[in-house]
Amino acid sequence: MPSDGAPLDEADGAAPVPRDLKRRTGVVVGAIAIGLVLQLLLRRHLADLQLQAASDPIAARAQLAGELRIGGLALFGLTALLGGAWTVTAIQGWRLGRFPPRSSWLWSRTRVFTGPAARWVAIVGAVLGVTLIGCSLAGMALTLEMATRLLACRAT
């Protein structure tokens, strides 16, 4: 910013200040705050589960296995849906020769590519979307396997 407090513009050779910088900063700060609160709640829950395991390890394992299943399905299901939406958007962009396509709600305000550049961006987007789907399914399978083995373990 210049010394008079006015925002820089393109004529000054600097990037313009985003209009919604406060909103974006608020979203990031809010996400960090929510993450920290959830981490604190998870720590407390795991400590309670550890106390329960001292008196009834089988019940504690069963509870943890159930929570792993639900949490794994929820987390990896959401990331798989995001990967699917990303892939569909990329395919639409490739077909239209414009990325992101006008109908895209995933990419509200971003640089628009057209022609051959749009097709390359769409190909990369499709590859990343399919990769996210694959990794989500692998994470889901791994989490379900961990929960199954946790239930099978009967050692005290």
N, C-alpha and C. Protein backbone atom coordinates (compact mmCIF):
# COMPACT_ATOMS: atom_id res chain seq x y z
N MET A 1 0.84 -1.19 0.00
CA MET A 1 0.00 0.00 0.00
C MET A 1 0.88 1.24 0.00
N PRO A 2 0.48 2.27 -0.74
CA PRO A 2 1.22 3.51 -0.70
C PRO A 2 1.11 4.16 0.67
N SER A 3 1.93 5.17 0.89
CA SER A 3 1.96 5.81 2.21
C SER A 3 0.67 6.55 2.53
N ASP A 4 -0.14 6.90 1.50
CA ASP A 4 -1.38 7.60 1.80
C ASP A 4 -2.53 6.66 2.17
N GLY A 5 -2.28 5.34 2.20
CA GLY A 5 -3.29 4.38 2.63
C GLY A 5 -4.16 3.85 1.51
N ALA A 6 -4.01 4.35 0.30
CA ALA A 6 -4.82 3.87 -0.83
C ALA A 6 -4.29 2.51 -1.29
N PRO A 7 -5.18 1.63 -1.72
CA PRO A 7 -4.71 0.32 -2.18
C PRO A 7 -3.92 0.45 -3.48
N LEU A 8 -2.99 -0.47 -3.65
CA LEU A 8 -2.20 -0.49 -4.87
C LEU A 8 -3.06 -0.94 -6.03
N ASP A 9 -2.79 -0.42 -7.20
CA ASP A 9 -3.49 -0.92 -8.37
C ASP A 9 -2.48 -1.43 -9.38
N GLU A 10 -2.97 -1.92 -10.49
CA GLU A 10 -2.09 -2.53 -11.48
C GLU A 10 -1.13 -1.53 -12.07
N ALA A 11 -1.47 -0.25 -12.07
CA ALA A 11 -0.58 0.76 -12.63
C ALA A 11 0.69 0.90 -11.80
N ASP A 12 0.62 0.59 -10.51
CA ASP A 12 1.79 0.67 -9.64
C ASP A 12 2.73 -0.51 -9.83
N GLY A 13 2.31 -1.50 -10.58
CA GLY A 13 3.15 -2.66 -10.80
C GLY A 13 2.98 -3.74 -9.75
N ALA A 14 2.08 -3.53 -8.81
CA ALA A 14 1.86 -4.53 -7.76
C ALA A 14 0.50 -5.18 -7.98
N ALA A 15 0.35 -6.35 -7.42
CA ALA A 15 -0.93 -7.06 -7.54
C ALA A 15 -2.00 -6.31 -6.77
N PRO A 16 -3.22 -6.30 -7.30
CA PRO A 16 -4.31 -5.62 -6.57
C PRO A 16 -4.65 -6.37 -5.29
N VAL A 17 -5.13 -5.63 -4.30
CA VAL A 17 -5.53 -6.23 -3.03
C VAL A 17 -6.90 -6.88 -3.23
N PRO A 18 -7.04 -8.17 -2.88
CA PRO A 18 -8.35 -8.80 -3.04
C PRO A 18 -9.41 -8.09 -2.20
N ARG A 19 -10.59 -7.93 -2.75
CA ARG A 19 -11.67 -7.24 -2.05
C ARG A 19 -12.17 -8.04 -0.85
N ASP A 20 -12.11 -9.35 -0.99
CA ASP A 20 -12.66 -10.19 0.07
C ASP A 20 -11.57 -10.78 0.97
N LEU A 21 -10.48 -10.05 1.13
CA LEU A 21 -9.37 -10.54 1.95
C LEU A 21 -9.80 -10.76 3.40
N LYS A 22 -10.63 -9.88 3.95
CA LYS A 22 -11.08 -10.05 5.33
C LYS A 22 -11.92 -11.31 5.47
N ARG A 23 -12.79 -11.57 4.50
CA ARG A 23 -13.63 -12.76 4.57
C ARG A 23 -12.78 -14.02 4.47
N ARG A 24 -11.82 -14.02 3.57
CA ARG A 24 -10.95 -15.18 3.42
C ARG A 24 -10.13 -15.41 4.69
N THR A 25 -9.62 -14.34 5.25
CA THR A 25 -8.85 -14.46 6.49
C THR A 25 -9.74 -14.99 7.61
N GLY A 26 -10.97 -14.52 7.68
CA GLY A 26 -11.91 -15.00 8.68
C GLY A 26 -12.21 -16.47 8.53
N VAL A 27 -12.33 -16.93 7.29
CA VAL A 27 -12.59 -18.35 7.05
C VAL A 27 -11.41 -19.18 7.52
N VAL A 28 -10.20 -18.75 7.21
CA VAL A 28 -9.00 -19.50 7.62
C VAL A 28 -8.89 -19.51 9.14
N VAL A 29 -9.07 -18.37 9.77
CA VAL A 29 -8.98 -18.30 11.24
C VAL A 29 -10.07 -19.17 11.87
N GLY A 30 -11.27 -19.11 11.32
CA GLY A 30 -12.36 -19.94 11.83
C GLY A 30 -12.06 -21.43 11.69
N ALA A 31 -11.51 -21.83 10.54
CA ALA A 31 -11.17 -23.24 10.33
C ALA A 31 -10.10 -23.69 11.31
N ILE A 32 -9.12 -22.85 11.56
CA ILE A 32 -8.07 -23.18 12.53
C ILE A 32 -8.67 -23.32 13.93
N ALA A 33 -9.55 -22.41 14.30
CA ALA A 33 -10.17 -22.46 15.63
C ALA A 33 -11.01 -23.73 15.79
N ILE A 34 -11.79 -24.05 14.77
CA ILE A 34 -12.61 -25.27 14.83
C ILE A 34 -11.71 -26.50 14.94
N GLY A 35 -10.63 -26.53 14.16
CA GLY A 35 -9.70 -27.66 14.23
C GLY A 35 -9.08 -27.82 15.61
N LEU A 36 -8.71 -26.71 16.22
CA LEU A 36 -8.11 -26.79 17.56
C LEU A 36 -9.12 -27.27 18.60
N VAL A 37 -10.35 -26.80 18.51
CA VAL A 37 -11.39 -27.26 19.45
C VAL A 37 -11.66 -28.75 19.25
N LEU A 38 -11.76 -29.18 17.99
CA LEU A 38 -11.99 -30.61 17.72
C LEU A 38 -10.82 -31.47 18.21
N GLN A 39 -9.61 -30.96 18.08
CA GLN A 39 -8.45 -31.70 18.58
C GLN A 39 -8.52 -31.85 20.10
N LEU A 40 -8.91 -30.80 20.78
CA LEU A 40 -9.05 -30.85 22.24
C LEU A 40 -10.13 -31.86 22.64
N LEU A 41 -11.27 -31.82 21.95
CA LEU A 41 -12.34 -32.77 22.25
C LEU A 41 -11.92 -34.21 21.98
N LEU A 42 -11.18 -34.42 20.91
CA LEU A 42 -10.70 -35.77 20.59
C LEU A 42 -9.72 -36.27 21.65
N ARG A 43 -8.84 -35.39 22.10
CA ARG A 43 -7.90 -35.78 23.17
C ARG A 43 -8.65 -36.21 24.43
N ARG A 44 -9.65 -35.45 24.80
CA ARG A 44 -10.43 -35.79 26.00
C ARG A 44 -11.15 -37.13 25.81
N HIS A 45 -11.72 -37.32 24.63
CA HIS A 45 -12.44 -38.55 24.36
C HIS A 45 -11.49 -39.75 24.40
N LEU A 46 -10.32 -39.62 23.80
CA LEU A 46 -9.36 -40.73 23.82
C LEU A 46 -8.85 -41.01 25.23
N ALA A 47 -8.70 -39.99 26.04
CA ALA A 47 -8.30 -40.20 27.44
C ALA A 47 -9.40 -40.96 28.19
N ASP A 48 -10.66 -40.60 27.95
CA ASP A 48 -11.78 -41.32 28.57
C ASP A 48 -11.82 -42.76 28.10
N LEU A 49 -11.56 -42.96 26.81
CA LEU A 49 -11.55 -44.31 26.26
C LEU A 49 -10.41 -45.15 26.85
N GLN A 50 -9.30 -44.51 27.11
CA GLN A 50 -8.18 -45.22 27.72
C GLN A 50 -8.52 -45.62 29.17
N LEU A 51 -9.21 -44.75 29.88
CA LEU A 51 -9.64 -45.11 31.24
C LEU A 51 -10.63 -46.27 31.20
N GLN A 52 -11.53 -46.26 30.22
CA GLN A 52 -12.48 -47.35 30.07
C GLN A 52 -11.75 -48.65 29.73
N ALA A 53 -10.69 -48.55 28.95
CA ALA A 53 -9.93 -49.75 28.55
C ALA A 53 -9.25 -50.41 29.75
N ALA A 54 -8.96 -49.64 30.78
CA ALA A 54 -8.34 -50.22 31.97
C ALA A 54 -9.29 -51.18 32.67
N SER A 55 -10.59 -50.89 32.64
CA SER A 55 -11.55 -51.76 33.32
C SER A 55 -12.21 -52.76 32.38
N ASP A 56 -12.44 -52.39 31.11
CA ASP A 56 -13.10 -53.29 30.16
C ASP A 56 -12.49 -53.10 28.78
N PRO A 57 -11.35 -53.76 28.52
CA PRO A 57 -10.64 -53.54 27.24
C PRO A 57 -11.44 -53.98 26.01
N ILE A 58 -12.22 -55.04 26.13
CA ILE A 58 -13.00 -55.52 24.98
C ILE A 58 -14.04 -54.49 24.57
N ALA A 59 -14.75 -53.91 25.53
CA ALA A 59 -15.76 -52.89 25.22
C ALA A 59 -15.12 -51.63 24.66
N ALA A 60 -13.96 -51.26 25.22
CA ALA A 60 -13.25 -50.08 24.72
C ALA A 60 -12.80 -50.28 23.27
N ARG A 61 -12.29 -51.47 22.95
CA ARG A 61 -11.89 -51.78 21.57
C ARG A 61 -13.09 -51.74 20.64
N ALA A 62 -14.20 -52.29 21.08
CA ALA A 62 -15.40 -52.29 20.25
C ALA A 62 -15.88 -50.85 19.98
N GLN A 63 -15.83 -50.03 21.00
CA GLN A 63 -16.24 -48.63 20.82
C GLN A 63 -15.29 -47.92 19.85
N LEU A 64 -13.98 -48.11 20.03
CA LEU A 64 -13.01 -47.48 19.15
C LEU A 64 -13.16 -47.98 17.71
N ALA A 65 -13.42 -49.27 17.54
CA ALA A 65 -13.60 -49.82 16.20
C ALA A 65 -14.83 -49.21 15.52
N GLY A 66 -15.90 -49.07 16.26
CA GLY A 66 -17.10 -48.44 15.71
C GLY A 66 -16.86 -46.99 15.32
N GLU A 67 -16.14 -46.28 16.16
CA GLU A 67 -15.84 -44.89 15.86
C GLU A 67 -14.90 -44.76 14.66
N LEU A 68 -13.95 -45.69 14.55
CA LEU A 68 -13.07 -45.70 13.37
C LEU A 68 -13.87 -45.93 12.09
N ARG A 69 -14.80 -46.86 12.15
CA ARG A 69 -15.62 -47.14 10.96
C ARG A 69 -16.43 -45.92 10.55
N ILE A 70 -17.12 -45.32 11.50
CA ILE A 70 -17.95 -44.16 11.18
C ILE A 70 -17.09 -42.99 10.72
N GLY A 71 -16.03 -42.71 11.45
CA GLY A 71 -15.15 -41.59 11.08
C GLY A 71 -14.46 -41.81 9.75
N GLY A 72 -14.00 -43.03 9.51
CA GLY A 72 -13.34 -43.32 8.24
C GLY A 72 -14.28 -43.21 7.06
N LEU A 73 -15.48 -43.77 7.22
CA LEU A 73 -16.46 -43.67 6.13
C LEU A 73 -16.84 -42.22 5.88
N ALA A 74 -17.03 -41.44 6.92
CA ALA A 74 -17.42 -40.03 6.76
C ALA A 74 -16.30 -39.23 6.09
N LEU A 75 -15.09 -39.33 6.63
CA LEU A 75 -13.97 -38.55 6.10
C LEU A 75 -13.65 -38.94 4.67
N PHE A 76 -13.43 -40.22 4.45
CA PHE A 76 -13.01 -40.65 3.11
C PHE A 76 -14.16 -40.63 2.12
N GLY A 77 -15.40 -40.74 2.61
CA GLY A 77 -16.55 -40.58 1.72
C GLY A 77 -16.65 -39.15 1.21
N LEU A 78 -16.43 -38.18 2.10
CA LEU A 78 -16.47 -36.78 1.68
C LEU A 78 -15.35 -36.44 0.70
N THR A 79 -14.14 -36.94 0.96
CA THR A 79 -13.05 -36.65 0.04
C THR A 79 -13.27 -37.34 -1.31
N ALA A 80 -13.89 -38.52 -1.31
CA ALA A 80 -14.20 -39.19 -2.58
C ALA A 80 -15.25 -38.39 -3.35
N LEU A 81 -16.26 -37.86 -2.66
CA LEU A 81 -17.26 -37.01 -3.32
C LEU A 81 -16.62 -35.75 -3.90
N LEU A 82 -15.70 -35.16 -3.16
CA LEU A 82 -15.00 -33.98 -3.66
C LEU A 82 -14.20 -34.33 -4.91
N GLY A 83 -13.51 -35.47 -4.88
CA GLY A 83 -12.76 -35.91 -6.05
C GLY A 83 -13.67 -36.17 -7.24
N GLY A 84 -14.85 -36.73 -6.98
CA GLY A 84 -15.82 -36.97 -8.06
C GLY A 84 -16.32 -35.67 -8.66
N ALA A 85 -16.65 -34.70 -7.81
CA ALA A 85 -17.11 -33.40 -8.31
C ALA A 85 -16.01 -32.71 -9.10
N TRP A 86 -14.78 -32.83 -8.63
CA TRP A 86 -13.64 -32.23 -9.31
C TRP A 86 -13.45 -32.88 -10.68
N THR A 87 -13.59 -34.19 -10.76
CA THR A 87 -13.42 -34.91 -12.02
C THR A 87 -14.53 -34.53 -13.01
N VAL A 88 -15.76 -34.48 -12.54
CA VAL A 88 -16.88 -34.11 -13.42
C VAL A 88 -16.67 -32.70 -13.97
N THR A 89 -16.25 -31.78 -13.13
CA THR A 89 -15.99 -30.41 -13.57
C THR A 89 -14.88 -30.38 -14.61
N ALA A 90 -13.84 -31.17 -14.39
CA ALA A 90 -12.72 -31.21 -15.34
C ALA A 90 -13.17 -31.77 -16.69
N ILE A 91 -13.99 -32.81 -16.66
CA ILE A 91 -14.48 -33.39 -17.92
C ILE A 91 -15.35 -32.39 -18.66
N GLN A 92 -16.21 -31.68 -17.95
CA GLN A 92 -17.03 -30.64 -18.59
C GLN A 92 -16.15 -29.55 -19.19
N GLY A 93 -15.12 -29.15 -18.46
CA GLY A 93 -14.21 -28.13 -18.96
C GLY A 93 -13.47 -28.59 -20.21
N TRP A 94 -13.09 -29.85 -20.24
CA TRP A 94 -12.40 -30.40 -21.42
C TRP A 94 -13.33 -30.40 -22.62
N ARG A 95 -14.58 -30.82 -22.42
CA ARG A 95 -15.55 -30.86 -23.52
C ARG A 95 -15.86 -29.47 -24.06
N LEU A 96 -15.96 -28.49 -23.18
CA LEU A 96 -16.31 -27.13 -23.58
C LEU A 96 -15.11 -26.32 -24.07
N GLY A 97 -13.89 -26.79 -23.75
CA GLY A 97 -12.70 -26.01 -24.08
C GLY A 97 -12.59 -24.75 -23.24
N ARG A 98 -13.18 -24.79 -22.06
CA ARG A 98 -13.15 -23.67 -21.11
C ARG A 98 -13.07 -24.23 -19.71
N PHE A 99 -12.07 -23.78 -18.96
CA PHE A 99 -11.94 -24.26 -17.60
C PHE A 99 -11.75 -23.08 -16.67
N PRO A 100 -12.55 -22.97 -15.64
CA PRO A 100 -13.67 -23.82 -15.29
C PRO A 100 -14.88 -23.52 -16.16
N PRO A 101 -15.77 -24.52 -16.35
CA PRO A 101 -16.98 -24.26 -17.12
C PRO A 101 -17.87 -23.24 -16.40
N ARG A 102 -18.71 -22.58 -17.13
CA ARG A 102 -19.58 -21.54 -16.54
C ARG A 102 -20.49 -22.11 -15.44
N SER A 103 -20.88 -23.36 -15.58
CA SER A 103 -21.81 -23.96 -14.61
C SER A 103 -21.12 -24.45 -13.34
N SER A 104 -19.82 -24.29 -13.25
CA SER A 104 -19.07 -24.83 -12.11
C SER A 104 -19.31 -24.02 -10.84
N TRP A 105 -19.69 -24.71 -9.77
CA TRP A 105 -19.82 -24.08 -8.47
C TRP A 105 -18.57 -24.31 -7.63
N LEU A 106 -17.72 -25.25 -8.06
CA LEU A 106 -16.49 -25.52 -7.32
C LEU A 106 -15.46 -24.40 -7.46
N TRP A 107 -15.44 -23.78 -8.59
CA TRP A 107 -14.42 -22.78 -8.90
C TRP A 107 -15.12 -21.44 -9.14
N SER A 108 -15.52 -20.78 -8.08
CA SER A 108 -16.32 -19.56 -8.24
C SER A 108 -15.53 -18.42 -8.87
N ARG A 109 -14.41 -18.06 -8.31
CA ARG A 109 -13.63 -16.95 -8.85
C ARG A 109 -12.20 -17.40 -9.03
N THR A 110 -11.88 -17.69 -10.26
CA THR A 110 -10.53 -18.11 -10.57
C THR A 110 -10.22 -17.73 -12.00
N ARG A 111 -8.99 -17.85 -12.38
CA ARG A 111 -8.58 -17.55 -13.74
C ARG A 111 -9.26 -18.53 -14.70
N VAL A 112 -9.75 -18.01 -15.80
CA VAL A 112 -10.43 -18.83 -16.79
C VAL A 112 -9.47 -19.15 -17.92
N PHE A 113 -9.37 -20.44 -18.25
CA PHE A 113 -8.55 -20.88 -19.36
C PHE A 113 -9.47 -21.27 -20.50
N THR A 114 -9.04 -20.98 -21.73
CA THR A 114 -9.81 -21.36 -22.91
C THR A 114 -8.90 -22.04 -23.91
N GLY A 115 -9.51 -22.79 -24.82
CA GLY A 115 -8.76 -23.43 -25.90
C GLY A 115 -7.87 -24.55 -25.40
N PRO A 116 -6.69 -24.70 -26.02
CA PRO A 116 -5.78 -25.80 -25.65
C PRO A 116 -5.32 -25.73 -24.19
N ALA A 117 -5.14 -24.54 -23.66
CA ALA A 117 -4.73 -24.40 -22.25
C ALA A 117 -5.81 -24.96 -21.32
N ALA A 118 -7.07 -24.72 -21.68
CA ALA A 118 -8.18 -25.23 -20.86
C ALA A 118 -8.20 -26.74 -20.88
N ARG A 119 -7.90 -27.32 -22.02
CA ARG A 119 -7.90 -28.79 -22.10
C ARG A 119 -6.78 -29.39 -21.25
N TRP A 120 -5.61 -28.76 -21.23
CA TRP A 120 -4.51 -29.25 -20.39
C TRP A 120 -4.86 -29.12 -18.91
N VAL A 121 -5.43 -27.99 -18.54
CA VAL A 121 -5.83 -27.80 -17.14
C VAL A 121 -6.90 -28.82 -16.76
N ALA A 122 -7.83 -29.07 -17.68
CA ALA A 122 -8.90 -30.04 -17.41
C ALA A 122 -8.33 -31.45 -17.27
N ILE A 123 -7.36 -31.80 -18.09
CA ILE A 123 -6.73 -33.13 -17.98
C ILE A 123 -6.05 -33.28 -16.63
N VAL A 124 -5.30 -32.27 -16.22
CA VAL A 124 -4.63 -32.32 -14.92
C VAL A 124 -5.68 -32.40 -13.81
N GLY A 125 -6.76 -31.63 -13.93
CA GLY A 125 -7.83 -31.67 -12.93
C GLY A 125 -8.49 -33.04 -12.85
N ALA A 126 -8.71 -33.66 -14.00
CA ALA A 126 -9.33 -35.00 -14.01
C ALA A 126 -8.40 -36.02 -13.37
N VAL A 127 -7.11 -35.93 -13.68
CA VAL A 127 -6.14 -36.86 -13.08
C VAL A 127 -6.10 -36.67 -11.57
N LEU A 128 -6.09 -35.43 -11.12
CA LEU A 128 -6.08 -35.18 -9.67
C LEU A 128 -7.38 -35.64 -9.01
N GLY A 129 -8.50 -35.42 -9.67
CA GLY A 129 -9.78 -35.87 -9.12
C GLY A 129 -9.85 -37.38 -9.00
N VAL A 130 -9.43 -38.09 -10.04
CA VAL A 130 -9.44 -39.56 -9.99
C VAL A 130 -8.44 -40.05 -8.94
N THR A 131 -7.30 -39.39 -8.83
CA THR A 131 -6.32 -39.76 -7.80
C THR A 131 -6.91 -39.57 -6.40
N LEU A 132 -7.63 -38.48 -6.19
CA LEU A 132 -8.26 -38.25 -4.89
C LEU A 132 -9.30 -39.32 -4.59
N ILE A 133 -10.07 -39.71 -5.60
CA ILE A 133 -11.04 -40.79 -5.41
C ILE A 133 -10.33 -42.09 -5.03
N GLY A 134 -9.27 -42.42 -5.76
CA GLY A 134 -8.52 -43.65 -5.47
C GLY A 134 -7.91 -43.65 -4.08
N CYS A 135 -7.31 -42.54 -3.71
CA CYS A 135 -6.71 -42.45 -2.37
C CYS A 135 -7.78 -42.50 -1.29
N SER A 136 -8.94 -41.91 -1.54
CA SER A 136 -10.04 -41.95 -0.57
C SER A 136 -10.54 -43.37 -0.39
N LEU A 137 -10.70 -44.09 -1.48
CA LEU A 137 -11.15 -45.48 -1.38
C LEU A 137 -10.12 -46.35 -0.66
N ALA A 138 -8.83 -46.10 -0.95
CA ALA A 138 -7.78 -46.85 -0.25
C ALA A 138 -7.79 -46.51 1.25
N GLY A 139 -7.94 -45.25 1.59
CA GLY A 139 -8.01 -44.85 3.00
C GLY A 139 -9.22 -45.44 3.70
N MET A 140 -10.33 -45.50 2.99
CA MET A 140 -11.55 -46.09 3.55
C MET A 140 -11.33 -47.58 3.81
N ALA A 141 -10.75 -48.27 2.84
CA ALA A 141 -10.51 -49.71 3.00
C ALA A 141 -9.53 -49.96 4.15
N LEU A 142 -8.49 -49.15 4.24
CA LEU A 142 -7.50 -49.32 5.30
C LEU A 142 -8.12 -49.07 6.68
N THR A 143 -8.94 -48.04 6.78
CA THR A 143 -9.59 -47.75 8.06
C THR A 143 -10.55 -48.86 8.47
N LEU A 144 -11.31 -49.38 7.52
CA LEU A 144 -12.22 -50.48 7.83
C LEU A 144 -11.45 -51.74 8.24
N GLU A 145 -10.32 -51.99 7.59
CA GLU A 145 -9.49 -53.14 7.95
C GLU A 145 -8.92 -52.97 9.36
N MET A 146 -8.49 -51.75 9.68
CA MET A 146 -7.97 -51.50 11.03
C MET A 146 -9.05 -51.76 12.07
N ALA A 147 -10.27 -51.30 11.80
CA ALA A 147 -11.37 -51.51 12.75
C ALA A 147 -11.68 -52.99 12.89
N THR A 148 -11.65 -53.72 11.78
CA THR A 148 -11.93 -55.16 11.82
C THR A 148 -10.87 -55.89 12.64
N ARG A 149 -9.62 -55.55 12.44
CA ARG A 149 -8.54 -56.21 13.20
C ARG A 149 -8.58 -55.82 14.67
N LEU A 150 -8.99 -54.59 14.94
CA LEU A 150 -9.11 -54.16 16.33
C LEU A 150 -10.18 -54.98 17.05
N LEU A 151 -11.28 -55.25 16.38
CA LEU A 151 -12.33 -56.07 16.97
C LEU A 151 -11.89 -57.52 17.13
N ALA A 152 -11.06 -58.02 16.19
CA ALA A 152 -10.61 -59.42 16.25
C ALA A 152 -9.59 -59.66 17.35
N CYS A 153 -8.91 -58.60 17.77
CA CYS A 153 -7.89 -58.73 18.80
C CYS A 153 -8.57 -58.94 20.16
N ARG A 154 -8.25 -60.07 20.80
CA ARG A 154 -8.86 -60.38 22.08
C ARG A 154 -7.85 -60.41 23.23
N ALA A 155 -6.63 -59.97 22.95
CA ALA A 155 -5.60 -59.99 23.99
C ALA A 155 -5.92 -58.91 25.03
N THR A 156 -5.63 -59.19 26.27
CA THR A 156 -5.90 -58.22 27.34
C THR A 156 -4.62 -57.71 27.92
